[in-house]
């Protein structure tokens, strides 16, 4: 059975940041579904196995990962990220 299309760059970023921030599969899939609906794209959920294989970034602190996640789900100007760091 085919797995369907590949993840877009943005979807991969959401999955990687969500994994680094310790988000659940359901939380990440909710963001992916909302974005697909908003943009008119097709929704491709991430499965638990893919999430377990997502890269981990030891130099990214949990607080920084959480700040990036908040930016992904509630975008603000990129300059505001500097204020969080």
C-alpha atoms as a PDB file:
ATOM      1  CA  UNK A   1       0.000   0.000   0.000  1.00  0.00           C
ATOM      2  CA  UNK A   2       1.291   3.422  -0.946  1.00  0.00           C
ATOM      3  CA  UNK A   3       2.010   5.918   1.822  1.00  0.00           C
ATOM      4  CA  UNK A   4       0.780   8.798  -0.320  1.00  0.00           C
ATOM      5  CA  UNK A   5       2.604  12.012  -1.027  1.00  0.00           C
ATOM      6  CA  UNK A   6       5.752  13.165   0.708  1.00  0.00           C
ATOM      7  CA  UNK A   7       5.519  15.752   3.460  1.00  0.00           C
ATOM      8  CA  UNK A   8       6.058  19.347   2.369  1.00  0.00           C
ATOM      9  CA  UNK A   9       8.922  21.371   3.824  1.00  0.00           C
ATOM     10  CA  UNK A  10       6.447  23.127   6.119  1.00  0.00           C
ATOM     11  CA  UNK A  11       4.894  19.866   7.305  1.00  0.00           C
ATOM     12  CA  UNK A  12       8.321  18.425   8.069  1.00  0.00           C
ATOM     13  CA  UNK A  13       9.145  21.560  10.054  1.00  0.00           C
ATOM     14  CA  UNK A  14       5.910  21.260  12.062  1.00  0.00           C
ATOM     15  CA  UNK A  15       6.652  17.608  12.835  1.00  0.00           C
ATOM     16  CA  UNK A  16      10.294  18.270  13.803  1.00  0.00           C
ATOM     17  CA  UNK A  17       9.450  21.270  16.004  1.00  0.00           C
ATOM     18  CA  UNK A  18       6.495  19.474  17.559  1.00  0.00           C
ATOM     19  CA  UNK A  19       8.650  16.452  18.356  1.00  0.00           C
ATOM     20  CA  UNK A  20      11.377  18.654  19.847  1.00  0.00           C
ATOM     21  CA  UNK A  21       8.769  20.439  21.972  1.00  0.00           C
ATOM     22  CA  UNK A  22       7.376  17.108  23.204  1.00  0.00           C
ATOM     23  CA  UNK A  23       3.988  17.496  21.532  1.00  0.00           C
ATOM     24  CA  UNK A  24       1.731  14.489  21.029  1.00  0.00           C
ATOM     25  CA  UNK A  25       0.824  12.991  17.668  1.00  0.00           C
ATOM     26  CA  UNK A  26      -2.696  14.373  18.117  1.00  0.00           C
ATOM     27  CA  UNK A  27      -1.432  17.916  18.773  1.00  0.00           C
ATOM     28  CA  UNK A  28       0.812  17.831  15.721  1.00  0.00           C
ATOM     29  CA  UNK A  29      -1.908  16.335  13.509  1.00  0.00           C
ATOM     30  CA  UNK A  30      -4.337  19.021  14.649  1.00  0.00           C
ATOM     31  CA  UNK A  31      -1.948  21.721  13.419  1.00  0.00           C
ATOM     32  CA  UNK A  32      -1.346  19.877  10.138  1.00  0.00           C
ATOM     33  CA  UNK A  33      -5.108  19.461   9.568  1.00  0.00           C
ATOM     34  CA  UNK A  34      -5.857  23.119  10.338  1.00  0.00           C
ATOM     35  CA  UNK A  35      -3.124  24.257   7.960  1.00  0.00           C
ATOM     36  CA  UNK A  36      -4.342  21.981   5.151  1.00  0.00           C
ATOM     37  CA  UNK A  37      -7.883  23.252   5.612  1.00  0.00           C
ATOM     38  CA  UNK A  38      -6.766  26.891   5.683  1.00  0.00           C
ATOM     39  CA  UNK A  39      -4.484  26.589   2.661  1.00  0.00           C
ATOM     40  CA  UNK A  40      -6.698  24.291   0.601  1.00  0.00           C
ATOM     41  CA  UNK A  41      -3.981  21.638   0.582  1.00  0.00           C
ATOM     42  CA  UNK A  42      -4.310  17.967   1.306  1.00  0.00           C
ATOM     43  CA  UNK A  43      -3.985  16.756   4.866  1.00  0.00           C
ATOM     44  CA  UNK A  44      -1.342  14.124   5.513  1.00  0.00           C
ATOM     45  CA  UNK A  45      -1.286  13.104   9.167  1.00  0.00           C
ATOM     46  CA  UNK A  46       1.885  12.009  10.880  1.00  0.00           C
ATOM     47  CA  UNK A  47       1.751   8.573  12.445  1.00  0.00           C
ATOM     48  CA  UNK A  48       3.295   7.639  15.801  1.00  0.00           C
ATOM     49  CA  UNK A  49       6.108   5.663  14.158  1.00  0.00           C
ATOM     50  CA  UNK A  50       7.145   8.666  12.063  1.00  0.00           C
ATOM     51  CA  UNK A  51       7.078  10.879  15.142  1.00  0.00           C
ATOM     52  CA  UNK A  52       9.363   8.488  17.023  1.00  0.00           C
ATOM     53  CA  UNK A  53      11.806   8.681  14.103  1.00  0.00           C
ATOM     54  CA  UNK A  54      11.697  12.492  13.911  1.00  0.00           C
ATOM     55  CA  UNK A  55      15.085  14.084  14.447  1.00  0.00           C
ATOM     56  CA  UNK A  56      16.005  15.320  17.891  1.00  0.00           C
ATOM     57  CA  UNK A  57      18.088  18.433  18.328  1.00  0.00           C
ATOM     58  CA  UNK A  58      20.195  18.243  21.511  1.00  0.00           C
ATOM     59  CA  UNK A  59      21.332  21.858  21.116  1.00  0.00           C
ATOM     60  CA  UNK A  60      17.715  23.075  21.106  1.00  0.00           C
ATOM     61  CA  UNK A  61      16.560  23.588  24.666  1.00  0.00           C
ATOM     62  CA  UNK A  62      13.047  22.491  25.645  1.00  0.00           C
ATOM     63  CA  UNK A  63      12.161  26.158  26.287  1.00  0.00           C
ATOM     64  CA  UNK A  64      13.361  27.187  22.809  1.00  0.00           C
ATOM     65  CA  UNK A  65      11.509  24.279  21.209  1.00  0.00           C
ATOM     66  CA  UNK A  66       8.339  25.322  23.048  1.00  0.00           C
ATOM     67  CA  UNK A  67       8.795  28.939  21.884  1.00  0.00           C
ATOM     68  CA  UNK A  68       9.166  27.764  18.278  1.00  0.00           C
ATOM     69  CA  UNK A  69       6.065  25.565  18.640  1.00  0.00           C
ATOM     70  CA  UNK A  70       4.030  28.520  19.949  1.00  0.00           C
ATOM     71  CA  UNK A  71       5.223  30.526  16.946  1.00  0.00           C
ATOM     72  CA  UNK A  72       4.168  27.734  14.561  1.00  0.00           C
ATOM     73  CA  UNK A  73       0.644  27.466  15.991  1.00  0.00           C
ATOM     74  CA  UNK A  74       0.199  31.209  16.629  1.00  0.00           C
ATOM     75  CA  UNK A  75       2.389  33.065  14.125  1.00  0.00           C
ATOM     76  CA  UNK A  76       3.738  36.446  15.015  1.00  0.00           C
ATOM     77  CA  UNK A  77       6.378  38.545  13.239  1.00  0.00           C
ATOM     78  CA  UNK A  78       9.697  36.705  13.055  1.00  0.00           C
ATOM     79  CA  UNK A  79      11.335  39.549  14.959  1.00  0.00           C
ATOM     80  CA  UNK A  80       9.257  38.553  17.993  1.00  0.00           C
ATOM     81  CA  UNK A  81      11.186  35.268  18.215  1.00  0.00           C
ATOM     82  CA  UNK A  82      14.285  37.203  19.228  1.00  0.00           C
ATOM     83  CA  UNK A  83      12.383  38.545  22.241  1.00  0.00           C
ATOM     84  CA  UNK A  84      11.683  34.997  23.445  1.00  0.00           C
ATOM     85  CA  UNK A  85      15.293  33.800  23.231  1.00  0.00           C
END
